[in-house]
Amino acid sequence: MTFLFYMLSAIMIISALLVVFSTNPINSVIYLIICFIAMAGHYILLNAQFLAVVHIIVYTGAIMVLFLFVIMLLNLNKAIIPQKSQLTRISAVVTGGLFFLVVLAATRQTFEIHPRYPFTGDIGLVKEVGKALFHEFLLPFEMSSVLFISAMVGAVMFGKKDN
């Protein structure tokens, strides 16, 4: 079990680094899919089968396919893309580093885990997720569905050709 955890972690770290450092956007998407599948393996190790399956279906299945379509529709060529100046690259690295420090400072107190529910072996199963989703988190769940519908309507309106 420990070996599997370390193997999945190594796959995630290597594929995430390949996503960042790959020059071809198609290869980056493929490496990101590998990273997502390894993350689903971690969910299975945590006995959260429902979350693992939803993660594979939603992220690996739907979102990555959309990324591939967008990349292929944009037809990215090196001749078309303007090269960034050295000052822009340095400011991007500094801004990313500052963002990382802010996130680290904001989450430093969350490393102390105080479980809200007693831990049982059933905590990641579909039945328990459904109970929590439709009892305690019903209002946020419904609000997110309204938000998704409004986003889809907005995307259709933006994509519609004007006559």
C-alpha atoms as a PDB file:
ATOM      1  CA  MET A   1       0.000   0.000   0.000  1.00  0.00           C
ATOM      2  CA  THR A   2       2.819   2.395   0.858  1.00  0.00           C
ATOM      3  CA  PHE A   3       4.681   1.448  -2.299  1.00  0.00           C
ATOM      4  CA  LEU A   4       1.584   2.193  -4.372  1.00  0.00           C
ATOM      5  CA  PHE A   5       1.227   5.596  -2.711  1.00  0.00           C
ATOM      6  CA  TYR A   6       4.828   6.541  -3.483  1.00  0.00           C
ATOM      7  CA  MET A   7       4.567   5.228  -7.029  1.00  0.00           C
ATOM      8  CA  LEU A   8       1.397   7.261  -7.712  1.00  0.00           C
ATOM      9  CA  SER A   9       2.996  10.308  -6.102  1.00  0.00           C
ATOM     10  CA  ALA A  10       6.083   9.999  -8.295  1.00  0.00           C
ATOM     11  CA  ILE A  11       3.895   9.650 -11.396  1.00  0.00           C
ATOM     12  CA  MET A  12       1.932  12.747 -10.379  1.00  0.00           C
ATOM     13  CA  ILE A  13       4.993  14.870  -9.708  1.00  0.00           C
ATOM     14  CA  ILE A  14       6.792  13.832 -12.899  1.00  0.00           C
ATOM     15  CA  SER A  15       3.729  14.311 -15.093  1.00  0.00           C
ATOM     16  CA  ALA A  16       2.948  17.681 -13.475  1.00  0.00           C
ATOM     17  CA  LEU A  17       6.491  18.855 -14.176  1.00  0.00           C
ATOM     18  CA  LEU A  18       6.174  17.622 -17.745  1.00  0.00           C
ATOM     19  CA  VAL A  19       2.933  19.609 -18.089  1.00  0.00           C
ATOM     20  CA  VAL A  20       4.723  22.780 -17.090  1.00  0.00           C
ATOM     21  CA  PHE A  21       7.926  22.262 -19.050  1.00  0.00           C
ATOM     22  CA  SER A  22       6.505  20.715 -22.224  1.00  0.00           C
ATOM     23  CA  THR A  23       6.721  22.960 -25.270  1.00  0.00           C
ATOM     24  CA  ASN A  24       3.941  21.199 -27.180  1.00  0.00           C
ATOM     25  CA  PRO A  25       0.445  21.992 -25.797  1.00  0.00           C
ATOM     26  CA  ILE A  26      -0.961  18.630 -26.924  1.00  0.00           C
ATOM     27  CA  ASN A  27       1.720  16.808 -24.946  1.00  0.00           C
ATOM     28  CA  SER A  28       0.956  19.012 -21.937  1.00  0.00           C
ATOM     29  CA  VAL A  29      -2.694  17.947 -22.036  1.00  0.00           C
ATOM     30  CA  ILE A  30      -1.716  14.281 -22.264  1.00  0.00           C
ATOM     31  CA  TYR A  31       0.647  14.640 -19.292  1.00  0.00           C
ATOM     32  CA  LEU A  32      -2.150  16.368 -17.375  1.00  0.00           C
ATOM     33  CA  ILE A  33      -4.447  13.420 -18.087  1.00  0.00           C
ATOM     34  CA  ILE A  34      -1.774  11.086 -16.655  1.00  0.00           C
ATOM     35  CA  CYS A  35      -1.546  13.316 -13.577  1.00  0.00           C
ATOM     36  CA  PHE A  36      -5.333  13.214 -13.125  1.00  0.00           C
ATOM     37  CA  ILE A  37      -5.424   9.429 -13.406  1.00  0.00           C
ATOM     38  CA  ALA A  38      -2.698   9.134 -10.756  1.00  0.00           C
ATOM     39  CA  MET A  39      -4.709  11.495  -8.559  1.00  0.00           C
ATOM     40  CA  ALA A  40      -7.729   9.220  -8.961  1.00  0.00           C
ATOM     41  CA  GLY A  41      -5.496   6.387  -7.762  1.00  0.00           C
ATOM     42  CA  HIS A  42      -4.845   8.386  -4.592  1.00  0.00           C
ATOM     43  CA  TYR A  43      -8.589   8.762  -4.088  1.00  0.00           C
ATOM     44  CA  ILE A  44      -8.989   5.002  -4.360  1.00  0.00           C
ATOM     45  CA  LEU A  45      -6.238   4.529  -1.764  1.00  0.00           C
ATOM     46  CA  LEU A  46      -8.229   6.844   0.535  1.00  0.00           C
ATOM     47  CA  ASN A  47     -11.335   4.639   0.057  1.00  0.00           C
ATOM     48  CA  ALA A  48     -13.130   7.385  -1.879  1.00  0.00           C
ATOM     49  CA  GLN A  49     -14.230   5.369  -4.884  1.00  0.00           C
ATOM     50  CA  PHE A  50     -17.026   7.751  -5.813  1.00  0.00           C
ATOM     51  CA  LEU A  51     -14.660  10.713  -5.891  1.00  0.00           C
ATOM     52  CA  ALA A  52     -12.161   8.761  -7.992  1.00  0.00           C
ATOM     53  CA  VAL A  53     -14.764   7.818 -10.581  1.00  0.00           C
ATOM     54  CA  VAL A  54     -16.211  11.332 -10.730  1.00  0.00           C
ATOM     55  CA  HIS A  55     -12.701  12.756 -11.016  1.00  0.00           C
ATOM     56  CA  ILE A  56     -11.928  10.516 -13.997  1.00  0.00           C
ATOM     57  CA  ILE A  57     -15.265  11.186 -15.695  1.00  0.00           C
ATOM     58  CA  VAL A  58     -15.362  14.947 -15.162  1.00  0.00           C
ATOM     59  CA  TYR A  59     -11.737  16.052 -15.311  1.00  0.00           C
ATOM     60  CA  THR A  60     -10.020  13.431 -17.405  1.00  0.00           C
ATOM     61  CA  GLY A  61     -12.995  12.761 -19.638  1.00  0.00           C
ATOM     62  CA  ALA A  62     -14.757  16.038 -20.199  1.00  0.00           C
ATOM     63  CA  ILE A  63     -12.441  18.908 -19.367  1.00  0.00           C
ATOM     64  CA  MET A  64      -9.338  17.454 -21.000  1.00  0.00           C
ATOM     65  CA  VAL A  65     -11.293  16.719 -24.184  1.00  0.00           C
ATOM     66  CA  LEU A  66     -12.426  20.346 -24.188  1.00  0.00           C
ATOM     67  CA  PHE A  67      -8.823  21.489 -23.689  1.00  0.00           C
ATOM     68  CA  LEU A  68      -7.744  19.387 -26.660  1.00  0.00           C
ATOM     69  CA  PHE A  69     -10.516  20.830 -28.823  1.00  0.00           C
ATOM     70  CA  VAL A  70      -9.611  24.396 -27.863  1.00  0.00           C
ATOM     71  CA  ILE A  71      -5.912  23.804 -28.517  1.00  0.00           C
ATOM     72  CA  MET A  72      -6.639  22.250 -31.902  1.00  0.00           C
ATOM     73  CA  LEU A  73      -9.110  24.978 -32.843  1.00  0.00           C
ATOM     74  CA  LEU A  74      -6.667  27.740 -31.939  1.00  0.00           C
ATOM     75  CA  ASN A  75      -4.022  26.228 -34.236  1.00  0.00           C
ATOM     76  CA  LEU A  76      -1.105  27.532 -32.212  1.00  0.00           C
ATOM     77  CA  ASN A  77       1.946  28.195 -34.355  1.00  0.00           C
ATOM     78  CA  LYS A  78       5.223  29.609 -33.091  1.00  0.00           C
ATOM     79  CA  ALA A  79       5.202  32.216 -35.891  1.00  0.00           C
ATOM     80  CA  ILE A  80       1.833  33.592 -34.743  1.00  0.00           C
ATOM     81  CA  ILE A  81       2.523  33.685 -30.999  1.00  0.00           C
ATOM     82  CA  PRO A  82       4.403  36.838 -29.952  1.00  0.00           C
ATOM     83  CA  GLN A  83       7.471  36.172 -27.814  1.00  0.00           C
ATOM     84  CA  LYS A  84       7.402  37.590 -24.294  1.00  0.00           C
ATOM     85  CA  SER A  85      10.113  39.953 -23.170  1.00  0.00           C
ATOM     86  CA  GLN A  86      12.565  39.046 -20.424  1.00  0.00           C
ATOM     87  CA  LEU A  87      10.909  41.547 -18.065  1.00  0.00           C
ATOM     88  CA  THR A  88       7.533  39.884 -18.578  1.00  0.00           C
ATOM     89  CA  ARG A  89       8.986  36.454 -17.838  1.00  0.00           C
ATOM     90  CA  ILE A  90      10.715  37.665 -14.668  1.00  0.00           C
ATOM     91  CA  SER A  91       7.583  39.437 -13.441  1.00  0.00           C
ATOM     92  CA  ALA A  92       5.549  36.265 -14.091  1.00  0.00           C
ATOM     93  CA  VAL A  93       7.960  34.200 -11.978  1.00  0.00           C
ATOM     94  CA  VAL A  94       7.944  36.783  -9.162  1.00  0.00           C
ATOM     95  CA  THR A  95       4.149  37.037  -9.238  1.00  0.00           C
ATOM     96  CA  GLY A  96       3.780  33.244  -9.197  1.00  0.00           C
ATOM     97  CA  GLY A  97       6.192  32.995  -6.266  1.00  0.00           C
ATOM     98  CA  LEU A  98       4.311  35.661  -4.327  1.00  0.00           C
ATOM     99  CA  PHE A  99       1.025  33.882  -5.044  1.00  0.00           C
ATOM    100  CA  PHE A 100       2.537  30.633  -3.753  1.00  0.00           C
ATOM    101  CA  LEU A 101       3.647  32.361  -0.542  1.00  0.00           C
ATOM    102  CA  VAL A 102       0.183  33.868  -0.030  1.00  0.00           C
ATOM    103  CA  VAL A 103      -1.492  30.486  -0.517  1.00  0.00           C
ATOM    104  CA  LEU A 104       1.028  28.877   1.834  1.00  0.00           C
ATOM    105  CA  ALA A 105       0.401  31.545   4.487  1.00  0.00           C
ATOM    106  CA  ALA A 106      -3.369  31.214   4.100  1.00  0.00           C
ATOM    107  CA  THR A 107      -3.321  27.446   4.492  1.00  0.00           C
ATOM    108  CA  ARG A 108      -0.705  27.085   7.225  1.00  0.00           C
ATOM    109  CA  GLN A 109      -3.373  26.650   9.877  1.00  0.00           C
ATOM    110  CA  THR A 110      -5.255  24.022   7.892  1.00  0.00           C
ATOM    111  CA  PHE A 111      -2.505  21.473   8.401  1.00  0.00           C
ATOM    112  CA  GLU A 112      -4.000  20.720  11.807  1.00  0.00           C
ATOM    113  CA  ILE A 113      -6.758  18.311  10.947  1.00  0.00           C
ATOM    114  CA  HIS A 114      -9.863  18.387  13.106  1.00  0.00           C
ATOM    115  CA  PRO A 115     -12.262  15.822  11.686  1.00  0.00           C
ATOM    116  CA  ARG A 116     -15.832  16.999  11.442  1.00  0.00           C
ATOM    117  CA  TYR A 117     -17.237  13.488  11.367  1.00  0.00           C
ATOM    118  CA  PRO A 118     -15.912  10.354  13.003  1.00  0.00           C
ATOM    119  CA  PHE A 119     -13.802   8.410  10.544  1.00  0.00           C
ATOM    120  CA  THR A 120     -15.339   5.157   9.410  1.00  0.00           C
ATOM    121  CA  GLY A 121     -14.555   2.873   6.506  1.00  0.00           C
ATOM    122  CA  ASP A 122     -17.685   4.042   4.674  1.00  0.00           C
ATOM    123  CA  ILE A 123     -16.738   7.717   4.487  1.00  0.00           C
ATOM    124  CA  GLY A 124     -15.880   7.837   0.760  1.00  0.00           C
ATOM    125  CA  LEU A 125     -18.595   5.591  -0.565  1.00  0.00           C
ATOM    126  CA  VAL A 126     -21.469   6.726  -2.776  1.00  0.00           C
ATOM    127  CA  LYS A 127     -24.112   6.327  -0.069  1.00  0.00           C
ATOM    128  CA  GLU A 128     -22.286   8.591   2.394  1.00  0.00           C
ATOM    129  CA  VAL A 129     -21.456  11.192  -0.272  1.00  0.00           C
ATOM    130  CA  GLY A 130     -25.112  11.260  -1.334  1.00  0.00           C
ATOM    131  CA  LYS A 131     -26.273  11.733   2.253  1.00  0.00           C
ATOM    132  CA  ALA A 132     -23.897  14.646   2.799  1.00  0.00           C
ATOM    133  CA  LEU A 133     -24.626  16.189  -0.594  1.00  0.00           C
ATOM    134  CA  PHE A 134     -28.403  16.094  -0.404  1.00  0.00           C
ATOM    135  CA  HIS A 135     -28.850  16.810   3.300  1.00  0.00           C
ATOM    136  CA  GLU A 136     -26.150  19.138   4.574  1.00  0.00           C
ATOM    137  CA  PHE A 137     -24.972  20.683   1.289  1.00  0.00           C
ATOM    138  CA  LEU A 138     -28.217  20.821  -0.674  1.00  0.00           C
ATOM    139  CA  LEU A 139     -28.324  24.629  -1.055  1.00  0.00           C
ATOM    140  CA  PRO A 140     -24.712  24.985  -2.341  1.00  0.00           C
ATOM    141  CA  PHE A 141     -25.287  22.018  -4.655  1.00  0.00           C
ATOM    142  CA  GLU A 142     -28.381  23.613  -6.189  1.00  0.00           C
ATOM    143  CA  MET A 143     -26.707  27.028  -6.396  1.00  0.00           C
ATOM    144  CA  SER A 144     -23.782  25.524  -8.300  1.00  0.00           C
ATOM    145  CA  SER A 145     -26.181  23.874 -10.759  1.00  0.00           C
ATOM    146  CA  VAL A 146     -27.832  27.258 -11.420  1.00  0.00           C
ATOM    147  CA  LEU A 147     -24.378  28.791 -11.879  1.00  0.00           C
ATOM    148  CA  PHE A 148     -23.411  26.071 -14.384  1.00  0.00           C
ATOM    149  CA  ILE A 149     -26.636  26.554 -16.342  1.00  0.00           C
ATOM    150  CA  SER A 150     -26.107  30.314 -16.519  1.00  0.00           C
ATOM    151  CA  ALA A 151     -22.497  29.746 -17.655  1.00  0.00           C
ATOM    152  CA  MET A 152     -23.692  27.418 -20.417  1.00  0.00           C
ATOM    153  CA  VAL A 153     -26.299  29.954 -21.563  1.00  0.00           C
ATOM    154  CA  GLY A 154     -23.619  32.654 -21.564  1.00  0.00           C
ATOM    155  CA  ALA A 155     -21.247  30.469 -23.580  1.00  0.00           C
ATOM    156  CA  VAL A 156     -23.971  29.777 -26.143  1.00  0.00           C
ATOM    157  CA  MET A 157     -24.780  33.482 -26.388  1.00  0.00           C
ATOM    158  CA  PHE A 158     -21.091  34.390 -26.866  1.00  0.00           C
ATOM    159  CA  GLY A 159     -20.611  31.665 -29.453  1.00  0.00           C
ATOM    160  CA  LYS A 160     -23.745  32.559 -31.403  1.00  0.00           C
ATOM    161  CA  LYS A 161     -23.099  34.360 -34.685  1.00  0.00           C
ATOM    162  CA  ASP A 162     -24.771  37.724 -35.131  1.00  0.00           C
ATOM    163  CA  ASN A 163     -27.031  37.842 -38.188  1.00  0.00           C
END
